[in-house]
Structure formats: C-alpha cells, structure tokens
Amino acid sequence: MDLPVVDLAPYLRAAAGDAAPAGEEELRALCATVSASLRDTGALLVMDPRCSAADNDRFLDVVERYFARSADAKRLQERPHLYYQVGVTPEGVEVPRSLVDKNM
C-alpha cells in the first residue's frame, strides 16, 4: 500500500490569504486525501516547502540517534500518567485493534 504524499503548499497559500477561489476545490481534495489516509492507515507523508533536504537530514539523524539509545535510556521517557500520549510507549502496552475487534 502506498501512502499519499500531501503537499502543504496549497494549505500555506490559503493561510496566507493567497488562495484563489478555484483553489478551494484543491484544498477540499487534499483534506479528503488526508482524512482517508489517516482513517485507513493512520499515516501519511507530508511535503513542506518550508523544509529543505538539509532539514530532513538533520531530523533523520536525530531520530536515528534516539532509536540507537538503550531500552533503559528510552524508558526514562515513559509517561504512563499521561496515557503514553507523549514520550515512549513500551512494548506490549498497545494492542492492535485487529486482535480485539472481531468485526474488522
């Protein structure tokens, strides 16, 4: 399954007041794409014209360094009192819906 790539440029133009009336349909189509992808897969790819390839490389470096840390170091980021909505979620806490919802 391929994830859609959502270009933020039309959203940013609309937020700046630069969207033409014809652009409204484009925005509705993009919103429908975002909604469908999040509903069906829980994920999508975002292209932001404000970010450069260097920004992306720096971000990936940070992510790689984080995941290279030991489990004990990452465990310090657990926030069960916030229902794991921030920080790290340990293995076994989340249960795939397909295991508990027999109607799927």
C-alpha atoms as a PDB file:
ATOM      1  CA  MET A   1       0.000   0.000   0.000  1.00  0.00           C
ATOM      2  CA  ASP A   2       1.385   3.395  -0.952  1.00  0.00           C
ATOM      3  CA  LEU A   3       0.893   6.304   1.391  1.00  0.00           C
ATOM      4  CA  PRO A   4      -0.222   9.554  -0.211  1.00  0.00           C
ATOM      5  CA  VAL A   5       2.168  12.493  -0.254  1.00  0.00           C
ATOM      6  CA  VAL A   6       0.375  15.613   0.936  1.00  0.00           C
ATOM      7  CA  ASP A   7       1.937  18.871  -0.223  1.00  0.00           C
ATOM      8  CA  LEU A   8       1.363  21.616   2.339  1.00  0.00           C
ATOM      9  CA  ALA A   9       1.939  24.408  -0.216  1.00  0.00           C
ATOM     10  CA  PRO A  10      -1.789  24.897  -1.009  1.00  0.00           C
ATOM     11  CA  TYR A  11      -2.620  24.998   2.721  1.00  0.00           C
ATOM     12  CA  LEU A  12       0.109  27.560   3.338  1.00  0.00           C
ATOM     13  CA  ARG A  13      -1.074  29.736   0.436  1.00  0.00           C
ATOM     14  CA  ALA A  14      -4.637  29.637   1.783  1.00  0.00           C
ATOM     15  CA  ALA A  15      -3.449  30.501   5.300  1.00  0.00           C
ATOM     16  CA  ALA A  16      -1.594  33.492   3.856  1.00  0.00           C
ATOM     17  CA  GLY A  17      -4.743  34.597   2.021  1.00  0.00           C
ATOM     18  CA  ASP A  18      -3.259  33.810  -1.392  1.00  0.00           C
ATOM     19  CA  ALA A  19      -5.673  31.043  -2.378  1.00  0.00           C
ATOM     20  CA  ALA A  20      -7.820  31.745  -5.401  1.00  0.00           C
ATOM     21  CA  PRO A  21     -11.487  30.672  -5.280  1.00  0.00           C
ATOM     22  CA  ALA A  22     -10.645  27.811  -7.648  1.00  0.00           C
ATOM     23  CA  GLY A  23      -8.097  26.645  -5.073  1.00  0.00           C
ATOM     24  CA  GLU A  24     -10.896  25.812  -2.654  1.00  0.00           C
ATOM     25  CA  GLU A  25     -11.635  22.586  -4.534  1.00  0.00           C
ATOM     26  CA  GLU A  26      -7.944  21.674  -4.394  1.00  0.00           C
ATOM     27  CA  LEU A  27      -7.983  22.208  -0.625  1.00  0.00           C
ATOM     28  CA  ARG A  28     -11.107  20.083  -0.230  1.00  0.00           C
ATOM     29  CA  ALA A  29      -9.492  17.296  -2.248  1.00  0.00           C
ATOM     30  CA  LEU A  30      -6.333  17.478  -0.123  1.00  0.00           C
ATOM     31  CA  CYS A  31      -8.408  17.389   3.071  1.00  0.00           C
ATOM     32  CA  ALA A  32     -10.258  14.332   1.775  1.00  0.00           C
ATOM     33  CA  THR A  33      -6.918  12.655   0.999  1.00  0.00           C
ATOM     34  CA  VAL A  34      -5.580  13.413   4.483  1.00  0.00           C
ATOM     35  CA  SER A  35      -8.782  12.203   6.132  1.00  0.00           C
ATOM     36  CA  ALA A  36      -8.949   8.980   4.126  1.00  0.00           C
ATOM     37  CA  SER A  37      -5.299   8.152   4.687  1.00  0.00           C
ATOM     38  CA  LEU A  38      -5.488   8.724   8.432  1.00  0.00           C
ATOM     39  CA  ARG A  39      -8.715   6.723   8.650  1.00  0.00           C
ATOM     40  CA  ASP A  40      -7.408   3.820   6.558  1.00  0.00           C
ATOM     41  CA  THR A  41      -3.749   3.646   7.556  1.00  0.00           C
ATOM     42  CA  GLY A  42      -3.150   6.091  10.398  1.00  0.00           C
ATOM     43  CA  ALA A  43      -0.296   7.659   8.436  1.00  0.00           C
ATOM     44  CA  LEU A  44       0.603   9.891   5.502  1.00  0.00           C
ATOM     45  CA  LEU A  45       3.651  11.574   4.051  1.00  0.00           C
ATOM     46  CA  VAL A  46       3.878  15.355   4.280  1.00  0.00           C
ATOM     47  CA  MET A  47       5.888  17.582   1.958  1.00  0.00           C
ATOM     48  CA  ASP A  48       6.505  21.023   3.450  1.00  0.00           C
ATOM     49  CA  PRO A  49       8.040  23.617   1.109  1.00  0.00           C
ATOM     50  CA  ARG A  50       9.460  25.425   4.154  1.00  0.00           C
ATOM     51  CA  CYS A  51      11.792  22.496   4.890  1.00  0.00           C
ATOM     52  CA  SER A  52      14.957  21.778   2.952  1.00  0.00           C
ATOM     53  CA  ALA A  53      16.698  18.469   2.319  1.00  0.00           C
ATOM     54  CA  ALA A  54      19.248  19.519   4.955  1.00  0.00           C
ATOM     55  CA  ASP A  55      16.424  19.975   7.494  1.00  0.00           C
ATOM     56  CA  ASN A  56      15.172  16.490   6.646  1.00  0.00           C
ATOM     57  CA  ASP A  57      18.666  15.004   7.019  1.00  0.00           C
ATOM     58  CA  ARG A  58      19.099  16.654  10.432  1.00  0.00           C
ATOM     59  CA  PHE A  59      15.724  15.307  11.560  1.00  0.00           C
ATOM     60  CA  LEU A  60      16.590  11.780  10.436  1.00  0.00           C
ATOM     61  CA  ASP A  61      19.932  11.995  12.265  1.00  0.00           C
ATOM     62  CA  VAL A  62      18.114  12.927  15.495  1.00  0.00           C
ATOM     63  CA  VAL A  63      15.638  10.064  15.080  1.00  0.00           C
ATOM     64  CA  GLU A  64      18.412   7.563  14.351  1.00  0.00           C
ATOM     65  CA  ARG A  65      20.367   8.683  17.432  1.00  0.00           C
ATOM     66  CA  TYR A  66      17.255   8.353  19.599  1.00  0.00           C
ATOM     67  CA  PHE A  67      16.463   4.816  18.436  1.00  0.00           C
ATOM     68  CA  ALA A  68      20.115   3.783  18.855  1.00  0.00           C
ATOM     69  CA  ARG A  69      19.805   4.517  22.596  1.00  0.00           C
ATOM     70  CA  SER A  70      19.406   1.645  25.043  1.00  0.00           C
ATOM     71  CA  ALA A  71      15.960   0.499  26.158  1.00  0.00           C
ATOM     72  CA  ASP A  72      16.782   1.735  29.679  1.00  0.00           C
ATOM     73  CA  ALA A  73      17.566   5.230  28.378  1.00  0.00           C
ATOM     74  CA  LYS A  74      14.325   5.357  26.376  1.00  0.00           C
ATOM     75  CA  ARG A  75      12.334   4.041  29.344  1.00  0.00           C
ATOM     76  CA  LEU A  76      13.093   7.335  31.113  1.00  0.00           C
ATOM     77  CA  GLN A  77      10.742   8.950  28.571  1.00  0.00           C
ATOM     78  CA  GLU A  78       7.714   6.825  29.549  1.00  0.00           C
ATOM     79  CA  ARG A  79       4.708   8.875  30.630  1.00  0.00           C
ATOM     80  CA  PRO A  80       2.024   6.398  31.816  1.00  0.00           C
ATOM     81  CA  HIS A  81       0.351   9.161  33.849  1.00  0.00           C
ATOM     82  CA  LEU A  82      -0.308  10.886  30.502  1.00  0.00           C
ATOM     83  CA  TYR A  83      -1.569   7.612  28.990  1.00  0.00           C
ATOM     84  CA  TYR A  84       1.590   7.421  26.839  1.00  0.00           C
ATOM     85  CA  GLN A  85       0.327  10.276  24.654  1.00  0.00           C
ATOM     86  CA  VAL A  86       3.809  11.804  24.895  1.00  0.00           C
ATOM     87  CA  GLY A  87       7.147  10.116  25.398  1.00  0.00           C
ATOM     88  CA  VAL A  88       7.807   6.475  24.664  1.00  0.00           C
ATOM     89  CA  THR A  89       5.251   3.683  24.788  1.00  0.00           C
ATOM     90  CA  PRO A  90       6.780   0.387  25.977  1.00  0.00           C
ATOM     91  CA  GLU A  91       6.211  -2.855  24.117  1.00  0.00           C
ATOM     92  CA  GLY A  92       3.001  -4.670  24.971  1.00  0.00           C
ATOM     93  CA  VAL A  93       1.061  -1.573  26.047  1.00  0.00           C
ATOM     94  CA  GLU A  94      -0.735  -1.036  22.748  1.00  0.00           C
ATOM     95  CA  VAL A  95      -2.853  -3.854  21.367  1.00  0.00           C
ATOM     96  CA  PRO A  96      -3.613  -3.938  17.625  1.00  0.00           C
ATOM     97  CA  ARG A  97      -7.286  -3.323  17.040  1.00  0.00           C
ATOM     98  CA  SER A  98      -7.463  -6.361  14.779  1.00  0.00           C
ATOM     99  CA  LEU A  99      -6.706  -8.572  17.803  1.00  0.00           C
ATOM    100  CA  VAL A 100      -9.585  -7.267  19.893  1.00  0.00           C
ATOM    101  CA  ASP A 101     -12.178  -6.216  17.282  1.00  0.00           C
ATOM    102  CA  LYS A 102     -13.511  -9.358  15.651  1.00  0.00           C
ATOM    103  CA  ASN A 103     -15.645  -7.222  13.277  1.00  0.00           C
ATOM    104  CA  MET A 104     -12.603  -5.989  11.356  1.00  0.00           C
END
